[in-house]
N, C-alpha and C. Protein backbone atom coordinates (compact mmCIF):
# COMPACT_ATOMS: atom_id res chain seq x y z
N MET A 1 10.86 21.31 33.28
CA MET A 1 9.76 20.44 32.87
C MET A 1 9.60 20.46 31.35
N GLN A 2 9.67 21.64 30.76
CA GLN A 2 9.53 21.76 29.30
C GLN A 2 10.63 20.96 28.59
N ARG A 3 11.83 21.04 29.13
CA ARG A 3 12.96 20.31 28.53
C ARG A 3 12.72 18.81 28.61
N LEU A 4 12.20 18.34 29.74
CA LEU A 4 11.92 16.92 29.90
C LEU A 4 10.86 16.46 28.89
N LEU A 5 9.82 17.26 28.70
CA LEU A 5 8.79 16.91 27.73
C LEU A 5 9.36 16.88 26.32
N SER A 6 10.25 17.79 26.00
CA SER A 6 10.88 17.80 24.68
C SER A 6 11.71 16.54 24.46
N ILE A 7 12.46 16.15 25.47
CA ILE A 7 13.28 14.94 25.37
C ILE A 7 12.40 13.70 25.20
N LEU A 8 11.32 13.64 25.96
CA LEU A 8 10.40 12.50 25.83
C LEU A 8 9.76 12.46 24.45
N ALA A 9 9.38 13.60 23.94
CA ALA A 9 8.77 13.66 22.60
C ALA A 9 9.75 13.17 21.55
N MET A 10 11.01 13.57 21.65
CA MET A 10 12.02 13.12 20.69
C MET A 10 12.24 11.62 20.81
N SER A 11 12.21 11.10 22.03
CA SER A 11 12.41 9.67 22.25
C SER A 11 11.28 8.87 21.61
N TRP A 12 10.04 9.32 21.81
CA TRP A 12 8.90 8.62 21.22
C TRP A 12 8.96 8.68 19.71
N THR A 13 9.39 9.81 19.17
CA THR A 13 9.52 9.94 17.71
C THR A 13 10.55 8.95 17.20
N ALA A 14 11.66 8.84 17.88
CA ALA A 14 12.71 7.90 17.48
C ALA A 14 12.21 6.47 17.53
N ILE A 15 11.45 6.14 18.58
CA ILE A 15 10.91 4.79 18.69
C ILE A 15 9.93 4.52 17.56
N ALA A 16 9.08 5.49 17.26
CA ALA A 16 8.11 5.31 16.18
C ALA A 16 8.81 5.07 14.85
N PHE A 17 9.86 5.83 14.56
CA PHE A 17 10.58 5.63 13.31
C PHE A 17 11.35 4.33 13.31
N ALA A 18 11.80 3.88 14.46
CA ALA A 18 12.55 2.63 14.55
C ALA A 18 11.67 1.43 14.21
N GLN A 19 10.35 1.57 14.37
CA GLN A 19 9.42 0.48 14.12
C GLN A 19 9.10 0.30 12.64
N VAL A 20 9.49 1.24 11.80
CA VAL A 20 9.17 1.18 10.38
C VAL A 20 10.22 0.34 9.65
N HIS A 21 9.75 -0.65 8.90
CA HIS A 21 10.68 -1.44 8.10
C HIS A 21 11.29 -0.54 7.03
N PRO A 22 12.56 -0.69 6.73
CA PRO A 22 13.21 0.18 5.74
C PRO A 22 12.50 0.24 4.38
N LEU A 23 11.83 -0.84 3.98
CA LEU A 23 11.11 -0.84 2.71
C LEU A 23 10.00 0.21 2.71
N TYR A 24 9.47 0.51 3.89
CA TYR A 24 8.34 1.43 3.99
C TYR A 24 8.71 2.82 4.49
N GLU A 25 9.99 3.09 4.64
CA GLU A 25 10.41 4.42 5.07
C GLU A 25 9.93 5.46 4.08
N GLY A 26 9.36 6.52 4.61
CA GLY A 26 8.88 7.61 3.77
C GLY A 26 7.50 7.36 3.19
N ALA A 27 6.91 6.22 3.47
CA ALA A 27 5.56 5.93 2.96
C ALA A 27 4.56 6.88 3.61
N ASP A 28 3.58 7.30 2.84
CA ASP A 28 2.54 8.20 3.32
C ASP A 28 1.38 7.36 3.84
N LEU A 29 1.33 7.19 5.16
CA LEU A 29 0.32 6.34 5.76
C LEU A 29 -1.09 6.89 5.58
N ALA A 30 -1.24 8.19 5.62
CA ALA A 30 -2.57 8.79 5.41
C ALA A 30 -3.07 8.49 4.01
N THR A 31 -2.18 8.62 3.03
CA THR A 31 -2.56 8.30 1.65
C THR A 31 -2.88 6.82 1.52
N GLY A 32 -2.07 5.96 2.13
CA GLY A 32 -2.33 4.53 2.08
C GLY A 32 -3.69 4.17 2.65
N SER A 33 -4.03 4.76 3.79
CA SER A 33 -5.34 4.50 4.41
C SER A 33 -6.47 4.97 3.51
N LYS A 34 -6.30 6.13 2.91
CA LYS A 34 -7.33 6.68 2.01
C LYS A 34 -7.49 5.79 0.78
N LEU A 35 -6.39 5.33 0.22
CA LEU A 35 -6.46 4.46 -0.95
C LEU A 35 -7.14 3.13 -0.64
N ILE A 36 -6.88 2.60 0.54
CA ILE A 36 -7.53 1.36 0.96
C ILE A 36 -9.04 1.56 1.02
N ALA A 37 -9.46 2.68 1.59
CA ALA A 37 -10.90 2.99 1.67
C ALA A 37 -11.48 3.27 0.29
N ASP A 38 -10.80 4.12 -0.49
CA ASP A 38 -11.31 4.51 -1.81
C ASP A 38 -11.46 3.33 -2.77
N ASN A 39 -10.53 2.38 -2.67
CA ASN A 39 -10.56 1.22 -3.58
C ASN A 39 -11.33 0.04 -3.00
N GLN A 40 -11.96 0.25 -1.86
CA GLN A 40 -12.83 -0.74 -1.23
C GLN A 40 -12.14 -2.10 -1.06
N CYS A 41 -10.91 -2.05 -0.58
CA CYS A 41 -10.13 -3.27 -0.39
C CYS A 41 -10.84 -4.25 0.55
N SER A 42 -11.42 -3.74 1.62
CA SER A 42 -12.09 -4.62 2.58
C SER A 42 -13.25 -5.37 1.94
N SER A 43 -14.01 -4.70 1.08
CA SER A 43 -15.14 -5.36 0.40
C SER A 43 -14.66 -6.51 -0.47
N CYS A 44 -13.57 -6.29 -1.18
CA CYS A 44 -13.01 -7.35 -2.03
C CYS A 44 -12.52 -8.51 -1.17
N HIS A 45 -11.86 -8.19 -0.06
CA HIS A 45 -11.37 -9.23 0.84
C HIS A 45 -12.52 -10.02 1.44
N GLN A 46 -13.63 -9.33 1.74
CA GLN A 46 -14.81 -10.03 2.27
C GLN A 46 -15.36 -11.00 1.24
N ARG A 47 -15.41 -10.58 -0.01
CA ARG A 47 -15.90 -11.47 -1.08
C ARG A 47 -14.94 -12.65 -1.29
N THR A 48 -13.66 -12.40 -1.10
CA THR A 48 -12.64 -13.42 -1.35
C THR A 48 -12.58 -14.47 -0.25
N VAL A 49 -12.56 -14.03 1.02
CA VAL A 49 -12.35 -14.96 2.13
C VAL A 49 -13.54 -15.07 3.07
N GLY A 50 -14.55 -14.22 2.87
CA GLY A 50 -15.72 -14.26 3.74
C GLY A 50 -15.53 -13.48 5.02
N GLY A 51 -16.56 -13.50 5.83
CA GLY A 51 -16.52 -12.79 7.11
C GLY A 51 -16.25 -11.31 6.92
N ASP A 52 -15.44 -10.77 7.81
CA ASP A 52 -15.10 -9.35 7.71
C ASP A 52 -13.91 -9.10 6.80
N GLY A 53 -13.37 -10.14 6.20
CA GLY A 53 -12.25 -10.03 5.27
C GLY A 53 -10.89 -10.06 5.92
N SER A 54 -10.85 -10.02 7.24
CA SER A 54 -9.54 -9.95 7.93
C SER A 54 -8.78 -11.27 7.87
N ALA A 55 -9.44 -12.37 7.52
CA ALA A 55 -8.74 -13.65 7.42
C ALA A 55 -7.69 -13.63 6.31
N ILE A 56 -7.78 -12.65 5.43
CA ILE A 56 -6.80 -12.55 4.35
C ILE A 56 -5.41 -12.15 4.89
N TYR A 57 -5.40 -11.53 6.08
CA TYR A 57 -4.14 -11.08 6.69
C TYR A 57 -3.62 -12.18 7.60
N ARG A 58 -2.65 -12.92 7.10
CA ARG A 58 -2.08 -14.01 7.88
C ARG A 58 -0.56 -13.85 7.93
N PRO A 59 -0.08 -13.17 8.95
CA PRO A 59 1.37 -12.93 9.02
C PRO A 59 2.22 -14.19 8.94
N GLN A 60 1.71 -15.32 9.41
CA GLN A 60 2.49 -16.55 9.36
C GLN A 60 2.25 -17.34 8.08
N GLY A 61 1.40 -16.84 7.21
CA GLY A 61 1.08 -17.54 5.97
C GLY A 61 2.07 -17.23 4.88
N ARG A 62 1.59 -17.14 3.67
CA ARG A 62 2.49 -16.97 2.53
C ARG A 62 3.06 -15.56 2.44
N ILE A 63 2.45 -14.60 3.11
CA ILE A 63 3.02 -13.25 3.16
C ILE A 63 3.89 -13.20 4.42
N ASN A 64 5.17 -13.50 4.25
CA ASN A 64 6.05 -13.60 5.41
C ASN A 64 7.26 -12.68 5.35
N THR A 65 7.26 -11.75 4.40
CA THR A 65 8.31 -10.75 4.34
C THR A 65 7.68 -9.42 3.90
N PRO A 66 8.34 -8.31 4.21
CA PRO A 66 7.84 -7.01 3.75
C PRO A 66 7.75 -6.93 2.23
N GLY A 67 8.69 -7.54 1.54
CA GLY A 67 8.67 -7.53 0.08
C GLY A 67 7.49 -8.32 -0.49
N ALA A 68 7.17 -9.44 0.16
CA ALA A 68 6.03 -10.24 -0.28
C ALA A 68 4.72 -9.47 -0.06
N LEU A 69 4.65 -8.72 1.02
CA LEU A 69 3.46 -7.91 1.27
C LEU A 69 3.31 -6.84 0.20
N ARG A 70 4.39 -6.14 -0.10
CA ARG A 70 4.34 -5.12 -1.14
C ARG A 70 3.99 -5.76 -2.49
N GLY A 71 4.55 -6.92 -2.75
CA GLY A 71 4.25 -7.63 -3.99
C GLY A 71 2.79 -8.03 -4.10
N MET A 72 2.17 -8.41 -2.98
CA MET A 72 0.76 -8.78 -3.00
C MET A 72 -0.10 -7.55 -3.29
N VAL A 73 0.26 -6.41 -2.72
CA VAL A 73 -0.49 -5.18 -3.02
C VAL A 73 -0.33 -4.84 -4.50
N GLU A 74 0.86 -5.02 -5.04
CA GLU A 74 1.08 -4.76 -6.47
C GLU A 74 0.27 -5.74 -7.31
N GLN A 75 0.17 -6.99 -6.87
CA GLN A 75 -0.64 -7.97 -7.60
C GLN A 75 -2.10 -7.53 -7.65
N CYS A 76 -2.63 -7.06 -6.53
CA CYS A 76 -4.01 -6.54 -6.52
C CYS A 76 -4.13 -5.36 -7.47
N ASN A 77 -3.15 -4.48 -7.44
CA ASN A 77 -3.13 -3.31 -8.32
C ASN A 77 -3.22 -3.74 -9.78
N THR A 78 -2.43 -4.74 -10.14
CA THR A 78 -2.39 -5.21 -11.53
C THR A 78 -3.67 -5.96 -11.91
N GLN A 79 -4.06 -6.91 -11.09
CA GLN A 79 -5.24 -7.73 -11.40
C GLN A 79 -6.52 -6.90 -11.48
N LEU A 80 -6.63 -5.92 -10.62
CA LEU A 80 -7.85 -5.11 -10.57
C LEU A 80 -7.74 -3.84 -11.39
N ASN A 81 -6.59 -3.67 -12.05
CA ASN A 81 -6.36 -2.50 -12.90
C ASN A 81 -6.66 -1.19 -12.15
N LEU A 82 -6.07 -1.07 -10.95
CA LEU A 82 -6.32 0.09 -10.11
C LEU A 82 -5.56 1.33 -10.56
N GLY A 83 -4.46 1.13 -11.26
CA GLY A 83 -3.68 2.26 -11.75
C GLY A 83 -2.90 2.99 -10.67
N LEU A 84 -2.51 2.27 -9.63
CA LEU A 84 -1.74 2.88 -8.54
C LEU A 84 -0.29 3.08 -8.95
N PHE A 85 0.28 4.18 -8.51
CA PHE A 85 1.69 4.44 -8.71
C PHE A 85 2.50 3.65 -7.69
N PRO A 86 3.77 3.38 -7.96
CA PRO A 86 4.60 2.60 -7.02
C PRO A 86 4.60 3.16 -5.60
N GLU A 87 4.65 4.48 -5.46
CA GLU A 87 4.65 5.05 -4.10
C GLU A 87 3.30 4.85 -3.41
N GLU A 88 2.22 4.75 -4.18
CA GLU A 88 0.91 4.48 -3.58
C GLU A 88 0.82 3.02 -3.13
N VAL A 89 1.35 2.12 -3.94
CA VAL A 89 1.41 0.70 -3.56
C VAL A 89 2.20 0.57 -2.28
N ASN A 90 3.32 1.27 -2.19
CA ASN A 90 4.16 1.22 -1.00
C ASN A 90 3.43 1.78 0.22
N SER A 91 2.67 2.84 0.02
CA SER A 91 1.92 3.44 1.13
C SER A 91 0.85 2.47 1.64
N ILE A 92 0.16 1.80 0.74
CA ILE A 92 -0.83 0.81 1.15
C ILE A 92 -0.16 -0.33 1.91
N ALA A 93 0.95 -0.83 1.38
CA ALA A 93 1.67 -1.92 2.05
C ALA A 93 2.15 -1.48 3.44
N ALA A 94 2.57 -0.23 3.56
CA ALA A 94 3.03 0.28 4.86
C ALA A 94 1.88 0.29 5.87
N VAL A 95 0.69 0.67 5.43
CA VAL A 95 -0.47 0.67 6.32
C VAL A 95 -0.81 -0.76 6.74
N LEU A 96 -0.80 -1.68 5.78
CA LEU A 96 -1.09 -3.08 6.10
C LEU A 96 -0.04 -3.65 7.05
N ASN A 97 1.20 -3.25 6.85
CA ASN A 97 2.26 -3.69 7.75
C ASN A 97 2.02 -3.15 9.15
N ARG A 98 1.68 -1.88 9.24
CA ARG A 98 1.42 -1.26 10.54
C ARG A 98 0.24 -1.92 11.25
N ASP A 99 -0.81 -2.20 10.50
CA ASP A 99 -2.06 -2.66 11.12
C ASP A 99 -2.17 -4.17 11.28
N HIS A 100 -1.46 -4.94 10.45
CA HIS A 100 -1.66 -6.39 10.47
C HIS A 100 -0.38 -7.21 10.59
N TYR A 101 0.65 -6.85 9.87
CA TYR A 101 1.82 -7.72 9.76
C TYR A 101 2.94 -7.40 10.74
N ARG A 102 3.23 -6.14 10.90
CA ARG A 102 4.24 -5.65 11.86
C ARG A 102 5.65 -6.20 11.59
N PHE A 103 6.05 -6.24 10.30
CA PHE A 103 7.43 -6.60 9.98
C PHE A 103 8.33 -5.46 10.43
N LYS A 104 9.48 -5.81 10.99
CA LYS A 104 10.43 -4.79 11.46
C LYS A 104 11.71 -4.89 10.72
């Protein structure tokens, strides 16, 4: 039974890693989530598009590739003078990909 559980755990781990787009491999999702909260991204999105701000996430819209998503996060970083490092931008983009876009 223990061996079966170990095999299942490894299989789930492999599936989880298979879902990550190569652009976001190694991204720190915990850091990305924290940065999104710390920089109040949702508040800015609410001011920009209204409602709860989620209308800004449109997978079929102009953000249609993983690179475009990362570029949009970098644009926010630059315009708002957030001072994020490239790996932090990548971590934020990885979280947005996981939660909204799901590029594979």
